[in-house]
Amino acid sequence: MKTPVGLVAAVLAGAILLAVSLLIVNGTRGENPDAAARILSPGAR
């Protein structure tokens, strides 16, 4: 039985998007919450 190429491509794209979103969530979780405020406020330097 041959697997449709479109189905394989869709599953692969979904898996990649899921992996990227999990990496983004895990990467931002350990960040200091004041990091954005330090970057945006010029007086903090």
PDB file of N, CA and C in Angstrom:
ATOM      1  N   MET A   1       0.851  -1.192   0.000  1.00  0.00           N
ATOM      2  CA  MET A   1       0.000   0.000   0.000  1.00  0.00           C
ATOM      3  C   MET A   1       0.890   1.247   0.000  1.00  0.00           C
ATOM      4  N   LYS A   2       0.659   2.131  -0.943  1.00  0.00           N
ATOM      5  CA  LYS A   2       1.457   3.351  -1.053  1.00  0.00           C
ATOM      6  C   LYS A   2       0.840   4.455  -0.199  1.00  0.00           C
ATOM      7  N   THR A   3       1.695   5.164   0.517  1.00  0.00           N
ATOM      8  CA  THR A   3       1.221   6.278   1.340  1.00  0.00           C
ATOM      9  C   THR A   3       1.199   7.538   0.497  1.00  0.00           C
ATOM     10  N   PRO A   4       0.110   8.293   0.546  1.00  0.00           N
ATOM     11  CA  PRO A   4       0.052   9.534  -0.237  1.00  0.00           C
ATOM     12  C   PRO A   4       1.129  10.523   0.216  1.00  0.00           C
ATOM     13  N   VAL A   5       1.774  11.143  -0.742  1.00  0.00           N
ATOM     14  CA  VAL A   5       2.861  12.070  -0.441  1.00  0.00           C
ATOM     15  C   VAL A   5       2.339  13.268   0.343  1.00  0.00           C
ATOM     16  N   GLY A   6       1.150  13.729   0.030  1.00  0.00           N
ATOM     17  CA  GLY A   6       0.569  14.883   0.718  1.00  0.00           C
ATOM     18  C   GLY A   6       0.351  14.609   2.198  1.00  0.00           C
ATOM     19  N   LEU A   7      -0.092  13.409   2.524  1.00  0.00           N
ATOM     20  CA  LEU A   7      -0.321  13.053   3.925  1.00  0.00           C
ATOM     21  C   LEU A   7       1.001  13.009   4.691  1.00  0.00           C
ATOM     22  N   VAL A   8       2.011  12.427   4.083  1.00  0.00           N
ATOM     23  CA  VAL A   8       3.322  12.365   4.724  1.00  0.00           C
ATOM     24  C   VAL A   8       3.880  13.776   4.931  1.00  0.00           C
ATOM     25  N   ALA A   9       3.742  14.644   3.933  1.00  0.00           N
ATOM     26  CA  ALA A   9       4.247  16.015   4.038  1.00  0.00           C
ATOM     27  C   ALA A   9       3.499  16.782   5.135  1.00  0.00           C
ATOM     28  N   ALA A  10       2.178  16.575   5.233  1.00  0.00           N
ATOM     29  CA  ALA A  10       1.390  17.269   6.241  1.00  0.00           C
ATOM     30  C   ALA A  10       1.776  16.814   7.652  1.00  0.00           C
ATOM     31  N   VAL A  11       1.967  15.527   7.831  1.00  0.00           N
ATOM     32  CA  VAL A  11       2.356  15.005   9.148  1.00  0.00           C
ATOM     33  C   VAL A  11       3.748  15.500   9.526  1.00  0.00           C
ATOM     34  N   LEU A  12       4.650  15.511   8.563  1.00  0.00           N
ATOM     35  CA  LEU A  12       6.004  15.988   8.820  1.00  0.00           C
ATOM     36  C   LEU A  12       6.002  17.480   9.184  1.00  0.00           C
ATOM     37  N   ALA A  13       5.235  18.272   8.454  1.00  0.00           N
ATOM     38  CA  ALA A  13       5.153  19.703   8.751  1.00  0.00           C
ATOM     39  C   ALA A  13       4.544  19.932  10.136  1.00  0.00           C
ATOM     40  N   GLY A  14       3.533  19.159  10.488  1.00  0.00           N
ATOM     41  CA  GLY A  14       2.923  19.292  11.813  1.00  0.00           C
ATOM     42  C   GLY A  14       3.895  18.926  12.924  1.00  0.00           C
ATOM     43  N   ALA A  15       4.682  17.888  12.702  1.00  0.00           N
ATOM     44  CA  ALA A  15       5.663  17.477  13.711  1.00  0.00           C
ATOM     45  C   ALA A  15       6.744  18.541  13.880  1.00  0.00           C
ATOM     46  N   ILE A  16       7.174  19.146  12.788  1.00  0.00           N
ATOM     47  CA  ILE A  16       8.187  20.200  12.866  1.00  0.00           C
ATOM     48  C   ILE A  16       7.638  21.417  13.608  1.00  0.00           C
ATOM     49  N   LEU A  17       6.418  21.813  13.295  1.00  0.00           N
ATOM     50  CA  LEU A  17       5.816  22.964  13.985  1.00  0.00           C
ATOM     51  C   LEU A  17       5.650  22.694  15.476  1.00  0.00           C
ATOM     52  N   LEU A  18       5.252  21.481  15.827  1.00  0.00           N
ATOM     53  CA  LEU A  18       5.106  21.122  17.234  1.00  0.00           C
ATOM     54  C   LEU A  18       6.451  21.179  17.951  1.00  0.00           C
ATOM     55  N   ALA A  19       7.491  20.654  17.317  1.00  0.00           N
ATOM     56  CA  ALA A  19       8.819  20.657  17.936  1.00  0.00           C
ATOM     57  C   ALA A  19       9.329  22.085  18.113  1.00  0.00           C
ATOM     58  N   VAL A  20       9.133  22.928  17.119  1.00  0.00           N
ATOM     59  CA  VAL A  20       9.588  24.323  17.211  1.00  0.00           C
ATOM     60  C   VAL A  20       8.839  25.060  18.308  1.00  0.00           C
ATOM     61  N   SER A  21       7.531  24.849  18.399  1.00  0.00           N
ATOM     62  CA  SER A  21       6.759  25.547  19.433  1.00  0.00           C
ATOM     63  C   SER A  21       7.169  25.084  20.826  1.00  0.00           C
ATOM     64  N   LEU A  22       7.461  23.795  20.992  1.00  0.00           N
ATOM     65  CA  LEU A  22       7.912  23.311  22.296  1.00  0.00           C
ATOM     66  C   LEU A  22       9.287  23.879  22.650  1.00  0.00           C
ATOM     67  N   LEU A  23      10.159  24.014  21.665  1.00  0.00           N
ATOM     68  CA  LEU A  23      11.477  24.596  21.922  1.00  0.00           C
ATOM     69  C   LEU A  23      11.351  26.059  22.330  1.00  0.00           C
ATOM     70  N   ILE A  24      10.434  26.785  21.687  1.00  0.00           N
ATOM     71  CA  ILE A  24      10.244  28.193  22.028  1.00  0.00           C
ATOM     72  C   ILE A  24       9.697  28.315  23.447  1.00  0.00           C
ATOM     73  N   VAL A  25       8.711  27.484  23.788  1.00  0.00           N
ATOM     74  CA  VAL A  25       8.114  27.551  25.131  1.00  0.00           C
ATOM     75  C   VAL A  25       9.151  27.207  26.188  1.00  0.00           C
ATOM     76  N   ASN A  26       9.935  26.176  25.966  1.00  0.00           N
ATOM     77  CA  ASN A  26      10.940  25.773  26.950  1.00  0.00           C
ATOM     78  C   ASN A  26      12.078  26.782  27.027  1.00  0.00           C
ATOM     79  N   GLY A  27      12.395  27.433  25.927  1.00  0.00           N
ATOM     80  CA  GLY A  27      13.469  28.417  25.925  1.00  0.00           C
ATOM     81  C   GLY A  27      13.108  29.688  26.647  1.00  0.00           C
ATOM     82  N   THR A  28      11.840  30.096  26.582  1.00  0.00           N
ATOM     83  CA  THR A  28      11.431  31.343  27.230  1.00  0.00           C
ATOM     84  C   THR A  28      11.024  31.135  28.679  1.00  0.00           C
ATOM     85  N   ARG A  29      10.841  29.899  29.095  1.00  0.00           N
ATOM     86  CA  ARG A  29      10.375  29.652  30.464  1.00  0.00           C
ATOM     87  C   ARG A  29      11.423  30.043  31.504  1.00  0.00           C
ATOM     88  N   GLY A  30      12.692  29.808  31.225  1.00  0.00           N
ATOM     89  CA  GLY A  30      13.735  30.098  32.190  1.00  0.00           C
ATOM     90  C   GLY A  30      14.251  31.517  32.131  1.00  0.00           C
ATOM     91  N   GLU A  31      13.662  32.334  31.288  1.00  0.00           N
ATOM     92  CA  GLU A  31      14.147  33.693  31.109  1.00  0.00           C
ATOM     93  C   GLU A  31      13.749  34.583  32.277  1.00  0.00           C
ATOM     94  N   ASN A  32      14.555  35.586  32.535  1.00  0.00           N
ATOM     95  CA  ASN A  32      14.228  36.567  33.561  1.00  0.00           C
ATOM     96  C   ASN A  32      13.057  37.414  33.059  1.00  0.00           C
ATOM     97  N   PRO A  33      11.976  37.559  33.829  1.00  0.00           N
ATOM     98  CA  PRO A  33      10.816  38.316  33.339  1.00  0.00           C
ATOM     99  C   PRO A  33      11.117  39.796  33.108  1.00  0.00           C
ATOM    100  N   ASP A  34      12.175  40.320  33.726  1.00  0.00           N
ATOM    101  CA  ASP A  34      12.501  41.725  33.550  1.00  0.00           C
ATOM    102  C   ASP A  34      13.434  41.956  32.366  1.00  0.00           C
ATOM    103  N   ALA A  35      13.764  40.918  31.617  1.00  0.00           N
ATOM    104  CA  ALA A  35      14.709  41.066  30.506  1.00  0.00           C
ATOM    105  C   ALA A  35      14.158  42.010  29.446  1.00  0.00           C
ATOM    106  N   ALA A  36      12.867  41.909  29.148  1.00  0.00           N
ATOM    107  CA  ALA A  36      12.277  42.777  28.130  1.00  0.00           C
ATOM    108  C   ALA A  36      12.278  44.229  28.604  1.00  0.00           C
ATOM    109  N   ALA A  37      12.034  44.444  29.869  1.00  0.00           N
ATOM    110  CA  ALA A  37      12.031  45.807  30.393  1.00  0.00           C
ATOM    111  C   ALA A  37      13.433  46.414  30.339  1.00  0.00           C
ATOM    112  N   ARG A  38      14.440  45.590  30.599  1.00  0.00           N
ATOM    113  CA  ARG A  38      15.820  46.096  30.528  1.00  0.00           C
ATOM    114  C   ARG A  38      16.198  46.467  29.111  1.00  0.00           C
ATOM    115  N   ILE A  39      15.738  45.672  28.140  1.00  0.00           N
ATOM    116  CA  ILE A  39      16.086  45.936  26.752  1.00  0.00           C
ATOM    117  C   ILE A  39      15.355  47.175  26.256  1.00  0.00           C
ATOM    118  N   LEU A  40      14.088  47.329  26.652  1.00  0.00           N
ATOM    119  CA  LEU A  40      13.276  48.416  26.113  1.00  0.00           C
ATOM    120  C   LEU A  40      13.535  49.763  26.793  1.00  0.00           C
ATOM    121  N   SER A  41      13.990  49.759  28.026  1.00  0.00           N
ATOM    122  CA  SER A  41      14.196  51.032  28.705  1.00  0.00           C
ATOM    123  C   SER A  41      15.635  51.493  28.556  1.00  0.00           C
ATOM    124  N   PRO A  42      15.864  52.632  27.911  1.00  0.00           N
ATOM    125  CA  PRO A  42      17.230  53.086  27.706  1.00  0.00           C
ATOM    126  C   PRO A  42      17.929  53.531  28.987  1.00  0.00           C
ATOM    127  N   GLY A  43      17.173  53.891  30.020  1.00  0.00           N
ATOM    128  CA  GLY A  43      17.779  54.356  31.273  1.00  0.00           C
ATOM    129  C   GLY A  43      18.347  53.245  32.109  1.00  0.00           C
ATOM    130  N   ALA A  44      18.034  52.006  31.790  1.00  0.00           N
ATOM    131  CA  ALA A  44      18.494  50.878  32.605  1.00  0.00           C
ATOM    132  C   ALA A  44      19.939  50.490  32.296  1.00  0.00           C
ATOM    133  N   ARG A  45      20.492  51.054  31.269  1.00  0.00           N
ATOM    134  CA  ARG A  45      21.871  50.701  30.899  1.00  0.00           C
ATOM    135  C   ARG A  45      22.792  51.471  31.712  1.00  0.00           C
TER     136      ARG A  45
END
